[in-house]
């Protein structure tokens, strides 16, 4: 088993932009830059942000939909990602938990 961390980043809404991208697109780009090969983006219907403000996805206002991005990787990659995100100046709430992980099955031969 490989030891590492599960990192979940929470974006309260898609209204904020970084380098002409949504915060989630920017976070995904930063994940790729540190060579993490996998991320899950979860769109949430409702949530309360770190400031206690309510956010919800409405039919005409999906830009306020809360989003969580989760990655699992070895700690040096997670540390590099957190350093890059911190340097980017975007305020993000995150959780980090120690995990053990492994891949099952045969590799794809695409």
PDB file of N, CA and C in Angstrom:
ATOM      1  N   UNK A   1       0.832  -1.188   0.000  1.00  0.00           N
ATOM      2  CA  UNK A   1       0.000   0.000   0.000  1.00  0.00           C
ATOM      3  C   UNK A   1       0.876   1.251   0.000  1.00  0.00           C
ATOM      4  N   UNK A   2       0.400   2.261  -0.693  1.00  0.00           N
ATOM      5  CA  UNK A   2       1.085   3.541  -0.759  1.00  0.00           C
ATOM      6  C   UNK A   2       0.476   4.464   0.292  1.00  0.00           C
ATOM      7  N   UNK A   3       1.305   5.158   1.033  1.00  0.00           N
ATOM      8  CA  UNK A   3       0.820   6.108   2.035  1.00  0.00           C
ATOM      9  C   UNK A   3       0.832   7.514   1.439  1.00  0.00           C
ATOM     10  N   UNK A   4      -0.175   8.279   1.784  1.00  0.00           N
ATOM     11  CA  UNK A   4      -0.262   9.649   1.289  1.00  0.00           C
ATOM     12  C   UNK A   4      -1.370  10.395   1.992  1.00  0.00           C
ATOM     13  N   UNK A   5      -1.990  11.310   1.277  1.00  0.00           N
ATOM     14  CA  UNK A   5      -3.063  12.134   1.831  1.00  0.00           C
ATOM     15  C   UNK A   5      -4.205  12.263   0.839  1.00  0.00           C
ATOM     16  N   UNK A   6      -5.400  12.420   1.388  1.00  0.00           N
ATOM     17  CA  UNK A   6      -6.559  12.819   0.595  1.00  0.00           C
ATOM     18  C   UNK A   6      -6.802  14.287   0.900  1.00  0.00           C
ATOM     19  N   UNK A   7      -6.803  15.091  -0.142  1.00  0.00           N
ATOM     20  CA  UNK A   7      -6.997  16.531  -0.011  1.00  0.00           C
ATOM     21  C   UNK A   7      -8.312  16.887  -0.689  1.00  0.00           C
ATOM     22  N   UNK A   8      -9.181  17.587   0.046  1.00  0.00           N
ATOM     23  CA  UNK A   8     -10.431  18.072  -0.535  1.00  0.00           C
ATOM     24  C   UNK A   8     -10.453  19.584  -0.415  1.00  0.00           C
ATOM     25  N   UNK A   9     -10.603  20.247  -1.557  1.00  0.00           N
ATOM     26  CA  UNK A   9     -10.657  21.711  -1.637  1.00  0.00           C
ATOM     27  C   UNK A   9     -12.098  22.115  -1.909  1.00  0.00           C
ATOM     28  N   UNK A  10     -12.562  23.126  -1.203  1.00  0.00           N
ATOM     29  CA  UNK A  10     -13.947  23.562  -1.330  1.00  0.00           C
ATOM     30  C   UNK A  10     -13.997  24.952  -1.948  1.00  0.00           C
ATOM     31  N   UNK A  11     -14.735  25.077  -3.044  1.00  0.00           N
ATOM     32  CA  UNK A  11     -14.962  26.370  -3.690  1.00  0.00           C
ATOM     33  C   UNK A  11     -16.430  26.711  -3.481  1.00  0.00           C
ATOM     34  N   UNK A  12     -16.697  27.810  -2.808  1.00  0.00           N
ATOM     35  CA  UNK A  12     -18.072  28.160  -2.465  1.00  0.00           C
ATOM     36  C   UNK A  12     -18.917  28.462  -3.692  1.00  0.00           C
ATOM     37  N   UNK A  13     -18.300  28.976  -4.741  1.00  0.00           N
ATOM     38  CA  UNK A  13     -19.063  29.245  -5.961  1.00  0.00           C
ATOM     39  C   UNK A  13     -18.108  29.414  -7.135  1.00  0.00           C
ATOM     40  N   UNK A  14     -18.680  29.467  -8.328  1.00  0.00           N
ATOM     41  CA  UNK A  14     -17.894  29.589  -9.553  1.00  0.00           C
ATOM     42  C   UNK A  14     -17.766  31.033 -10.023  1.00  0.00           C
ATOM     43  N   UNK A  15     -18.238  31.965  -9.221  1.00  0.00           N
ATOM     44  CA  UNK A  15     -18.194  33.376  -9.594  1.00  0.00           C
ATOM     45  C   UNK A  15     -16.763  33.908  -9.604  1.00  0.00           C
ATOM     46  N   UNK A  16     -15.942  33.410  -8.687  1.00  0.00           N
ATOM     47  CA  UNK A  16     -14.554  33.858  -8.613  1.00  0.00           C
ATOM     48  C   UNK A  16     -13.747  33.288  -9.768  1.00  0.00           C
ATOM     49  N   UNK A  17     -12.816  34.081 -10.287  1.00  0.00           N
ATOM     50  CA  UNK A  17     -12.010  33.676 -11.440  1.00  0.00           C
ATOM     51  C   UNK A  17     -10.530  33.815 -11.082  1.00  0.00           C
ATOM     52  N   UNK A  18      -9.710  33.004 -11.754  1.00  0.00           N
ATOM     53  CA  UNK A  18      -8.253  33.082 -11.624  1.00  0.00           C
ATOM     54  C   UNK A  18      -7.679  32.820 -13.008  1.00  0.00           C
ATOM     55  N   UNK A  19      -6.919  33.762 -13.519  1.00  0.00           N
ATOM     56  CA  UNK A  19      -6.322  33.642 -14.859  1.00  0.00           C
ATOM     57  C   UNK A  19      -7.374  33.337 -15.923  1.00  0.00           C
ATOM     58  N   UNK A  20      -8.496  34.021 -15.877  1.00  0.00           N
ATOM     59  CA  UNK A  20      -9.598  33.894 -16.833  1.00  0.00           C
ATOM     60  C   UNK A  20     -10.258  32.514 -16.805  1.00  0.00           C
ATOM     61  N   UNK A  21     -10.108  31.778 -15.702  1.00  0.00           N
ATOM     62  CA  UNK A  21     -10.717  30.457 -15.540  1.00  0.00           C
ATOM     63  C   UNK A  21     -11.550  30.466 -14.273  1.00  0.00           C
ATOM     64  N   UNK A  22     -12.483  29.517 -14.179  1.00  0.00           N
ATOM     65  CA  UNK A  22     -13.156  29.343 -12.897  1.00  0.00           C
ATOM     66  C   UNK A  22     -12.119  28.842 -11.897  1.00  0.00           C
ATOM     67  N   UNK A  23     -12.403  28.999 -10.622  1.00  0.00           N
ATOM     68  CA  UNK A  23     -11.481  28.525  -9.595  1.00  0.00           C
ATOM     69  C   UNK A  23     -11.250  27.022  -9.742  1.00  0.00           C
ATOM     70  N   UNK A  24     -12.304  26.273 -10.061  1.00  0.00           N
ATOM     71  CA  UNK A  24     -12.164  24.821 -10.217  1.00  0.00           C
ATOM     72  C   UNK A  24     -11.252  24.486 -11.401  1.00  0.00           C
ATOM     73  N   UNK A  25     -11.402  25.166 -12.514  1.00  0.00           N
ATOM     74  CA  UNK A  25     -10.511  24.921 -13.665  1.00  0.00           C
ATOM     75  C   UNK A  25      -9.066  25.236 -13.300  1.00  0.00           C
ATOM     76  N   UNK A  26      -8.854  26.328 -12.580  1.00  0.00           N
ATOM     77  CA  UNK A  26      -7.509  26.694 -12.152  1.00  0.00           C
ATOM     78  C   UNK A  26      -6.941  25.641 -11.207  1.00  0.00           C
ATOM     79  N   UNK A  27      -7.738  25.171 -10.231  1.00  0.00           N
ATOM     80  CA  UNK A  27      -7.286  24.129  -9.309  1.00  0.00           C
ATOM     81  C   UNK A  27      -6.917  22.859 -10.078  1.00  0.00           C
ATOM     82  N   UNK A  28      -7.732  22.454 -11.034  1.00  0.00           N
ATOM     83  CA  UNK A  28      -7.427  21.258 -11.832  1.00  0.00           C
ATOM     84  C   UNK A  28      -6.122  21.424 -12.606  1.00  0.00           C
ATOM     85  N   UNK A  29      -5.876  22.608 -13.131  1.00  0.00           N
ATOM     86  CA  UNK A  29      -4.601  22.870 -13.810  1.00  0.00           C
ATOM     87  C   UNK A  29      -3.424  22.742 -12.845  1.00  0.00           C
ATOM     88  N   UNK A  30      -3.590  23.257 -11.631  1.00  0.00           N
ATOM     89  CA  UNK A  30      -2.523  23.161 -10.627  1.00  0.00           C
ATOM     90  C   UNK A  30      -2.287  21.706 -10.215  1.00  0.00           C
ATOM     91  N   UNK A  31      -3.343  20.911 -10.162  1.00  0.00           N
ATOM     92  CA  UNK A  31      -3.214  19.484  -9.852  1.00  0.00           C
ATOM     93  C   UNK A  31      -2.371  18.791 -10.920  1.00  0.00           C
ATOM     94  N   UNK A  32      -2.633  19.096 -12.177  1.00  0.00           N
ATOM     95  CA  UNK A  32      -1.849  18.508 -13.279  1.00  0.00           C
ATOM     96  C   UNK A  32      -0.376  18.914 -13.200  1.00  0.00           C
ATOM     97  N   UNK A  33      -0.126  20.161 -12.831  1.00  0.00           N
ATOM     98  CA  UNK A  33       1.248  20.671 -12.781  1.00  0.00           C
ATOM     99  C   UNK A  33       2.124  19.918 -11.782  1.00  0.00           C
ATOM    100  N   UNK A  34       1.541  19.380 -10.725  1.00  0.00           N
ATOM    101  CA  UNK A  34       2.326  18.642  -9.727  1.00  0.00           C
ATOM    102  C   UNK A  34       2.254  17.137  -9.974  1.00  0.00           C
ATOM    103  N   UNK A  35       1.778  16.766 -11.163  1.00  0.00           N
ATOM    104  CA  UNK A  35       1.803  15.379 -11.622  1.00  0.00           C
ATOM    105  C   UNK A  35       0.894  14.450 -10.813  1.00  0.00           C
ATOM    106  N   UNK A  36      -0.226  14.982 -10.351  1.00  0.00           N
ATOM    107  CA  UNK A  36      -1.245  14.143  -9.731  1.00  0.00           C
ATOM    108  C   UNK A  36      -2.184  13.701 -10.841  1.00  0.00           C
ATOM    109  N   UNK A  37      -2.384  12.386 -10.937  1.00  0.00           N
ATOM    110  CA  UNK A  37      -3.150  11.814 -12.053  1.00  0.00           C
ATOM    111  C   UNK A  37      -4.552  11.406 -11.634  1.00  0.00           C
ATOM    112  N   UNK A  38      -5.331  12.344 -11.221  1.00  0.00           N
ATOM    113  CA  UNK A  38      -6.709  12.039 -10.891  1.00  0.00           C
ATOM    114  C   UNK A  38      -7.269  13.047  -9.913  1.00  0.00           C
ATOM    115  N   UNK A  39      -8.468  13.463 -10.179  1.00  0.00           N
ATOM    116  CA  UNK A  39      -9.179  14.383  -9.298  1.00  0.00           C
ATOM    117  C   UNK A  39     -10.665  14.154  -9.512  1.00  0.00           C
ATOM    118  N   UNK A  40     -11.425  14.326  -8.461  1.00  0.00           N
ATOM    119  CA  UNK A  40     -12.870  14.210  -8.550  1.00  0.00           C
ATOM    120  C   UNK A  40     -13.480  15.559  -8.200  1.00  0.00           C
ATOM    121  N   UNK A  41     -14.312  16.073  -9.097  1.00  0.00           N
ATOM    122  CA  UNK A  41     -15.029  17.320  -8.861  1.00  0.00           C
ATOM    123  C   UNK A  41     -16.467  16.949  -8.509  1.00  0.00           C
ATOM    124  N   UNK A  42     -16.903  17.378  -7.335  1.00  0.00           N
ATOM    125  CA  UNK A  42     -18.255  17.094  -6.871  1.00  0.00           C
ATOM    126  C   UNK A  42     -19.024  18.401  -6.789  1.00  0.00           C
ATOM    127  N   UNK A  43     -20.101  18.481  -7.546  1.00  0.00           N
ATOM    128  CA  UNK A  43     -20.953  19.660  -7.502  1.00  0.00           C
ATOM    129  C   UNK A  43     -22.048  19.402  -6.465  1.00  0.00           C
ATOM    130  N   UNK A  44     -22.214  20.343  -5.568  1.00  0.00           N
ATOM    131  CA  UNK A  44     -23.116  20.198  -4.442  1.00  0.00           C
ATOM    132  C   UNK A  44     -24.323  21.106  -4.666  1.00  0.00           C
ATOM    133  N   UNK A  45     -25.494  20.662  -4.240  1.00  0.00           N
ATOM    134  CA  UNK A  45     -26.677  21.490  -4.474  1.00  0.00           C
ATOM    135  C   UNK A  45     -26.764  22.670  -3.518  1.00  0.00           C
ATOM    136  N   UNK A  46     -26.310  22.491  -2.259  1.00  0.00           N
ATOM    137  CA  UNK A  46     -26.365  23.569  -1.287  1.00  0.00           C
ATOM    138  C   UNK A  46     -25.196  23.458  -0.320  1.00  0.00           C
ATOM    139  N   UNK A  47     -24.783  24.583   0.257  1.00  0.00           N
ATOM    140  CA  UNK A  47     -23.721  24.560   1.244  1.00  0.00           C
ATOM    141  C   UNK A  47     -23.573  25.906   1.933  1.00  0.00           C
ATOM    142  N   UNK A  48     -22.816  25.894   3.030  1.00  0.00           N
ATOM    143  CA  UNK A  48     -22.501  27.107   3.779  1.00  0.00           C
ATOM    144  C   UNK A  48     -20.996  27.260   3.739  1.00  0.00           C
ATOM    145  N   UNK A  49     -20.502  28.441   3.335  1.00  0.00           N
ATOM    146  CA  UNK A  49     -19.063  28.626   3.180  1.00  0.00           C
ATOM    147  C   UNK A  49     -18.391  28.932   4.516  1.00  0.00           C
ATOM    148  N   UNK A  50     -17.085  29.136   4.471  1.00  0.00           N
ATOM    149  CA  UNK A  50     -16.291  29.375   5.680  1.00  0.00           C
ATOM    150  C   UNK A  50     -16.687  30.664   6.399  1.00  0.00           C
ATOM    151  N   UNK A  51     -17.423  31.545   5.723  1.00  0.00           N
ATOM    152  CA  UNK A  51     -17.869  32.800   6.318  1.00  0.00           C
ATOM    153  C   UNK A  51     -19.314  32.721   6.799  1.00  0.00           C
ATOM    154  N   UNK A  52     -19.927  31.534   6.690  1.00  0.00           N
ATOM    155  CA  UNK A  52     -21.307  31.349   7.125  1.00  0.00           C
ATOM    156  C   UNK A  52     -22.346  31.745   6.096  1.00  0.00           C
ATOM    157  N   UNK A  53     -21.906  32.047   4.871  1.00  0.00           N
ATOM    158  CA  UNK A  53     -22.855  32.433   3.822  1.00  0.00           C
ATOM    159  C   UNK A  53     -23.413  31.187   3.129  1.00  0.00           C
ATOM    160  N   UNK A  54     -24.686  31.232   2.832  1.00  0.00           N
ATOM    161  CA  UNK A  54     -25.393  30.142   2.175  1.00  0.00           C
ATOM    162  C   UNK A  54     -25.190  30.237   0.666  1.00  0.00           C
ATOM    163  N   UNK A  55     -24.892  29.107   0.033  1.00  0.00           N
ATOM    164  CA  UNK A  55     -24.759  29.038  -1.425  1.00  0.00           C
ATOM    165  C   UNK A  55     -25.610  27.875  -1.920  1.00  0.00           C
ATOM    166  N   UNK A  56     -26.247  28.062  -3.078  1.00  0.00           N
ATOM    167  CA  UNK A  56     -27.080  27.002  -3.638  1.00  0.00           C
ATOM    168  C   UNK A  56     -27.100  27.101  -5.151  1.00  0.00           C
ATOM    169  N   UNK A  57     -27.309  25.948  -5.781  1.00  0.00           N
ATOM    170  CA  UNK A  57     -27.449  25.889  -7.234  1.00  0.00           C
ATOM    171  C   UNK A  57     -28.920  26.055  -7.577  1.00  0.00           C
ATOM    172  N   UNK A  58     -29.204  27.075  -8.340  1.00  0.00           N
ATOM    173  CA  UNK A  58     -30.560  27.299  -8.820  1.00  0.00           C
ATOM    174  C   UNK A  58     -30.557  27.113 -10.328  1.00  0.00           C
ATOM    175  N   UNK A  59     -31.724  26.869 -10.873  1.00  0.00           N
ATOM    176  CA  UNK A  59     -31.834  26.601 -12.299  1.00  0.00           C
ATOM    177  C   UNK A  59     -31.175  27.697 -13.136  1.00  0.00           C
ATOM    178  N   UNK A  60     -31.377  28.947 -12.782  1.00  0.00           N
ATOM    179  CA  UNK A  60     -30.828  30.057 -13.565  1.00  0.00           C
ATOM    180  C   UNK A  60     -29.522  30.598 -12.987  1.00  0.00           C
ATOM    181  N   UNK A  61     -29.082  30.089 -11.849  1.00  0.00           N
ATOM    182  CA  UNK A  61     -27.924  30.649 -11.174  1.00  0.00           C
ATOM    183  C   UNK A  61     -26.956  29.558 -10.709  1.00  0.00           C
ATOM    184  N   UNK A  62     -26.482  28.733 -11.647  1.00  0.00           N
ATOM    185  CA  UNK A  62     -25.561  27.656 -11.294  1.00  0.00           C
ATOM    186  C   UNK A  62     -24.187  28.172 -10.892  1.00  0.00           C
ATOM    187  N   UNK A  63     -23.913  29.455 -11.153  1.00  0.00           N
ATOM    188  CA  UNK A  63     -22.609  30.021 -10.814  1.00  0.00           C
ATOM    189  C   UNK A  63     -22.381  30.049  -9.301  1.00  0.00           C
ATOM    190  N   UNK A  64     -23.435  29.980  -8.509  1.00  0.00           N
ATOM    191  CA  UNK A  64     -23.311  30.006  -7.049  1.00  0.00           C
ATOM    192  C   UNK A  64     -23.281  28.589  -6.460  1.00  0.00           C
ATOM    193  N   UNK A  65     -23.147  27.575  -7.326  1.00  0.00           N
ATOM    194  CA  UNK A  65     -23.151  26.190  -6.871  1.00  0.00           C
ATOM    195  C   UNK A  65     -21.847  25.840  -6.159  1.00  0.00           C
ATOM    196  N   UNK A  66     -21.927  25.331  -4.925  1.00  0.00           N
ATOM    197  CA  UNK A  66     -20.714  24.907  -4.224  1.00  0.00           C
ATOM    198  C   UNK A  66     -20.070  23.704  -4.925  1.00  0.00           C
ATOM    199  N   UNK A  67     -18.742  23.651  -4.895  1.00  0.00           N
ATOM    200  CA  UNK A  67     -18.004  22.590  -5.572  1.00  0.00           C
ATOM    201  C   UNK A  67     -16.873  22.123  -4.653  1.00  0.00           C
ATOM    202  N   UNK A  68     -16.621  20.805  -4.664  1.00  0.00           N
ATOM    203  CA  UNK A  68     -15.493  20.240  -3.929  1.00  0.00           C
ATOM    204  C   UNK A  68     -14.606  19.482  -4.919  1.00  0.00           C
ATOM    205  N   UNK A  69     -13.290  19.643  -4.793  1.00  0.00           N
ATOM    206  CA  UNK A  69     -12.326  18.924  -5.630  1.00  0.00           C
ATOM    207  C   UNK A  69     -11.500  18.046  -4.700  1.00  0.00           C
ATOM    208  N   UNK A  70     -11.489  16.736  -4.964  1.00  0.00           N
ATOM    209  CA  UNK A  70     -10.776  15.784  -4.116  1.00  0.00           C
ATOM    210  C   UNK A  70      -9.685  15.093  -4.903  1.00  0.00           C
ATOM    211  N   UNK A  71      -8.497  14.999  -4.288  1.00  0.00           N
ATOM    212  CA  UNK A  71      -7.366  14.274  -4.878  1.00  0.00           C
ATOM    213  C   UNK A  71      -6.738  13.395  -3.803  1.00  0.00           C
ATOM    214  N   UNK A  72      -6.115  12.317  -4.245  1.00  0.00           N
ATOM    215  CA  UNK A  72      -5.340  11.436  -3.368  1.00  0.00           C
ATOM    216  C   UNK A  72      -3.972  11.278  -4.021  1.00  0.00           C
ATOM    217  N   UNK A  73      -2.921  11.509  -3.246  1.00  0.00           N
ATOM    218  CA  UNK A  73      -1.560  11.406  -3.776  1.00  0.00           C
ATOM    219  C   UNK A  73      -0.582  11.262  -2.619  1.00  0.00           C
ATOM    220  N   UNK A  74       0.675  11.009  -2.975  1.00  0.00           N
ATOM    221  CA  UNK A  74       1.711  10.951  -1.963  1.00  0.00           C
ATOM    222  C   UNK A  74       1.941  12.350  -1.400  1.00  0.00           C
ATOM    223  N   UNK A  75       2.423  12.402  -0.168  1.00  0.00           N
ATOM    224  CA  UNK A  75       2.539  13.681   0.527  1.00  0.00           C
ATOM    225  C   UNK A  75       3.409  14.729  -0.174  1.00  0.00           C
ATOM    226  N   UNK A  76       4.533  14.375  -0.818  1.00  0.00           N
ATOM    227  CA  UNK A  76       5.296  15.423  -1.514  1.00  0.00           C
ATOM    228  C   UNK A  76       4.482  16.127  -2.608  1.00  0.00           C
ATOM    229  N   UNK A  77       3.630  15.383  -3.313  1.00  0.00           N
ATOM    230  CA  UNK A  77       2.786  15.996  -4.343  1.00  0.00           C
ATOM    231  C   UNK A  77       1.716  16.887  -3.710  1.00  0.00           C
ATOM    232  N   UNK A  78       1.130  16.423  -2.609  1.00  0.00           N
ATOM    233  CA  UNK A  78       0.121  17.224  -1.915  1.00  0.00           C
ATOM    234  C   UNK A  78       0.749  18.513  -1.381  1.00  0.00           C
ATOM    235  N   UNK A  79       1.951  18.402  -0.815  1.00  0.00           N
ATOM    236  CA  UNK A  79       2.658  19.592  -0.311  1.00  0.00           C
ATOM    237  C   UNK A  79       2.928  20.580  -1.447  1.00  0.00           C
ATOM    238  N   UNK A  80       3.380  20.078  -2.593  1.00  0.00           N
ATOM    239  CA  UNK A  80       3.650  20.949  -3.746  1.00  0.00           C
ATOM    240  C   UNK A  80       2.370  21.623  -4.223  1.00  0.00           C
ATOM    241  N   UNK A  81       1.278  20.862  -4.261  1.00  0.00           N
ATOM    242  CA  UNK A  81      -0.005  21.429  -4.682  1.00  0.00           C
ATOM    243  C   UNK A  81      -0.443  22.532  -3.727  1.00  0.00           C
ATOM    244  N   UNK A  82      -0.376  22.274  -2.431  1.00  0.00           N
ATOM    245  CA  UNK A  82      -0.774  23.290  -1.456  1.00  0.00           C
ATOM    246  C   UNK A  82       0.094  24.535  -1.551  1.00  0.00           C
ATOM    247  N   UNK A  83       1.382  24.350  -1.793  1.00  0.00           N
ATOM    248  CA  UNK A  83       2.277  25.504  -1.953  1.00  0.00           C
ATOM    249  C   UNK A  83       1.884  26.329  -3.175  1.00  0.00           C
ATOM    250  N   UNK A  84       1.623  25.664  -4.300  1.00  0.00           N
ATOM    251  CA  UNK A  84       1.224  26.369  -5.524  1.00  0.00           C
ATOM    252  C   UNK A  84      -0.115  27.080  -5.357  1.00  0.00           C
ATOM    253  N   UNK A  85      -1.065  26.396  -4.732  1.00  0.00           N
ATOM    254  CA  UNK A  85      -2.379  27.020  -4.522  1.00  0.00           C
ATOM    255  C   UNK A  85      -2.262  28.215  -3.592  1.00  0.00           C
ATOM    256  N   UNK A  86      -1.461  28.085  -2.541  1.00  0.00           N
ATOM    257  CA  UNK A  86      -1.255  29.208  -1.621  1.00  0.00           C
ATOM    258  C   UNK A  86      -0.626  30.400  -2.304  1.00  0.00           C
ATOM    259  N   UNK A  87       0.328  30.135  -3.201  1.00  0.00           N
ATOM    260  CA  UNK A  87       0.992  31.213  -3.936  1.00  0.00           C
ATOM    261  C   UNK A  87       0.051  31.872  -4.937  1.00  0.00           C
ATOM    262  N   UNK A  88      -1.015  31.157  -5.331  1.00  0.00           N
ATOM    263  CA  UNK A  88      -1.959  31.700  -6.307  1.00  0.00           C
ATOM    264  C   UNK A  88      -2.866  32.778  -5.753  1.00  0.00           C
ATOM    265  N   UNK A  89      -2.937  32.889  -4.445  1.00  0.00           N
ATOM    266  CA  UNK A  89      -3.703  33.971  -3.837  1.00  0.00           C
ATOM    267  C   UNK A  89      -5.203  33.767  -3.763  1.00  0.00           C
ATOM    268  N   UNK A  90      -5.688  32.585  -4.142  1.00  0.00           N
ATOM    269  CA  UNK A  90      -7.122  32.313  -4.063  1.00  0.00           C
ATOM    270  C   UNK A  90      -7.409  31.720  -2.688  1.00  0.00           C
ATOM    271  N   UNK A  91      -8.393  32.276  -2.005  1.00  0.00           N
ATOM    272  CA  UNK A  91      -8.741  31.782  -0.670  1.00  0.00           C
ATOM    273  C   UNK A  91      -9.591  30.525  -0.814  1.00  0.00           C
ATOM    274  N   UNK A  92      -9.069  29.389  -0.322  1.00  0.00           N
ATOM    275  CA  UNK A  92      -9.769  28.112  -0.394  1.00  0.00           C
ATOM    276  C   UNK A  92      -9.747  27.442   0.974  1.00  0.00           C
ATOM    277  N   UNK A  93     -10.853  26.859   1.358  1.00  0.00           N
ATOM    278  CA  UNK A  93     -10.913  26.018   2.545  1.00  0.00           C
ATOM    279  C   UNK A  93     -10.592  24.600   2.092  1.00  0.00           C
ATOM    280  N   UNK A  94      -9.818  23.856   2.897  1.00  0.00           N
ATOM    281  CA  UNK A  94      -9.509  22.473   2.524  1.00  0.00           C
ATOM    282  C   UNK A  94      -9.425  21.589   3.746  1.00  0.00           C
ATOM    283  N   UNK A  95      -9.589  20.285   3.489  1.00  0.00           N
ATOM    284  CA  UNK A  95      -9.348  19.272   4.510  1.00  0.00           C
ATOM    285  C   UNK A  95      -8.292  18.324   3.971  1.00  0.00           C
ATOM    286  N   UNK A  96      -7.512  17.744   4.889  1.00  0.00           N
ATOM    287  CA  UNK A  96      -6.459  16.807   4.500  1.00  0.00           C
ATOM    288  C   UNK A  96      -6.460  15.657   5.506  1.00  0.00           C
ATOM    289  N   UNK A  97      -6.501  14.432   4.978  1.00  0.00           N
ATOM    290  CA  UNK A  97      -6.528  13.245   5.825  1.00  0.00           C
ATOM    291  C   UNK A  97      -5.479  12.252   5.337  1.00  0.00           C
ATOM    292  N   UNK A  98      -4.794  11.566   6.250  1.00  0.00           N
ATOM    293  CA  UNK A  98      -3.858  10.521   5.832  1.00  0.00           C
ATOM    294  C   UNK A  98      -4.628   9.329   5.264  1.00  0.00           C
ATOM    295  N   UNK A  99      -4.115   8.748   4.189  1.00  0.00           N
ATOM    296  CA  UNK A  99      -4.752   7.577   3.565  1.00  0.00           C
ATOM    297  C   UNK A  99      -3.682   6.599   3.083  1.00  0.00           C
ATOM    298  N   UNK A 100      -4.115   5.387   2.847  1.00  0.00           N
ATOM    299  CA  UNK A 100      -3.325   4.386   2.136  1.00  0.00           C
ATOM    300  C   UNK A 100      -4.086   4.070   0.867  1.00  0.00           C
ATOM    301  N   UNK A 101      -3.372   3.930  -0.251  1.00  0.00           N
ATOM    302  CA  UNK A 101      -4.059   3.692  -1.513  1.00  0.00           C
ATOM    303  C   UNK A 101      -3.235   2.779  -2.412  1.00  0.00           C
ATOM    304  N   UNK A 102      -3.889   2.245  -3.409  1.00  0.00           N
ATOM    305  CA  UNK A 102      -3.254   1.338  -4.368  1.00  0.00           C
ATOM    306  C   UNK A 102      -4.166   1.244  -5.579  1.00  0.00           C
ATOM    307  N   UNK A 103      -3.626   0.799  -6.702  1.00  0.00           N
ATOM    308  CA  UNK A 103      -4.423   0.550  -7.908  1.00  0.00           C
ATOM    309  C   UNK A 103      -4.711  -0.940  -8.026  1.00  0.00           C
ATOM    310  N   UNK A 104      -5.897  -1.279  -8.496  1.00  0.00           N
ATOM    311  CA  UNK A 104      -6.277  -2.663  -8.747  1.00  0.00           C
ATOM    312  C   UNK A 104      -6.408  -2.872 -10.241  1.00  0.00           C
ATOM    313  N   UNK A 105      -6.241  -4.082 -10.694  1.00  0.00           N
ATOM    314  CA  UNK A 105      -6.467  -4.425 -12.104  1.00  0.00           C
ATOM    315  C   UNK A 105      -5.249  -4.189 -12.967  1.00  0.00           C
ATOM    316  N   UNK A 106      -5.409  -4.503 -14.224  1.00  0.00           N
ATOM    317  CA  UNK A 106      -4.346  -4.372 -15.213  1.00  0.00           C
ATOM    318  C   UNK A 106      -4.333  -2.949 -15.777  1.00  0.00           C
ATOM    319  N   UNK A 107      -3.142  -2.433 -16.117  1.00  0.00           N
ATOM    320  CA  UNK A 107      -3.067  -1.086 -16.701  1.00  0.00           C
ATOM    321  C   UNK A 107      -3.716  -1.057 -18.092  1.00  0.00           C
ATOM    322  N   UNK A 108      -4.277   0.108 -18.421  1.00  0.00           N
ATOM    323  CA  UNK A 108      -4.831   0.309 -19.759  1.00  0.00           C
ATOM    324  C   UNK A 108      -3.715   0.396 -20.771  1.00  0.00           C
ATOM    325  N   UNK A 109      -3.927  -0.132 -21.946  1.00  0.00           N
ATOM    326  CA  UNK A 109      -2.928  -0.074 -23.019  1.00  0.00           C
ATOM    327  C   UNK A 109      -3.466   0.741 -24.188  1.00  0.00           C
ATOM    328  N   UNK A 110      -3.774   2.013 -23.922  1.00  0.00           N
ATOM    329  CA  UNK A 110      -4.341   2.893 -24.964  1.00  0.00           C
ATOM    330  C   UNK A 110      -3.253   3.439 -25.834  1.00  0.00           C
TER     331      UNK A 110
END
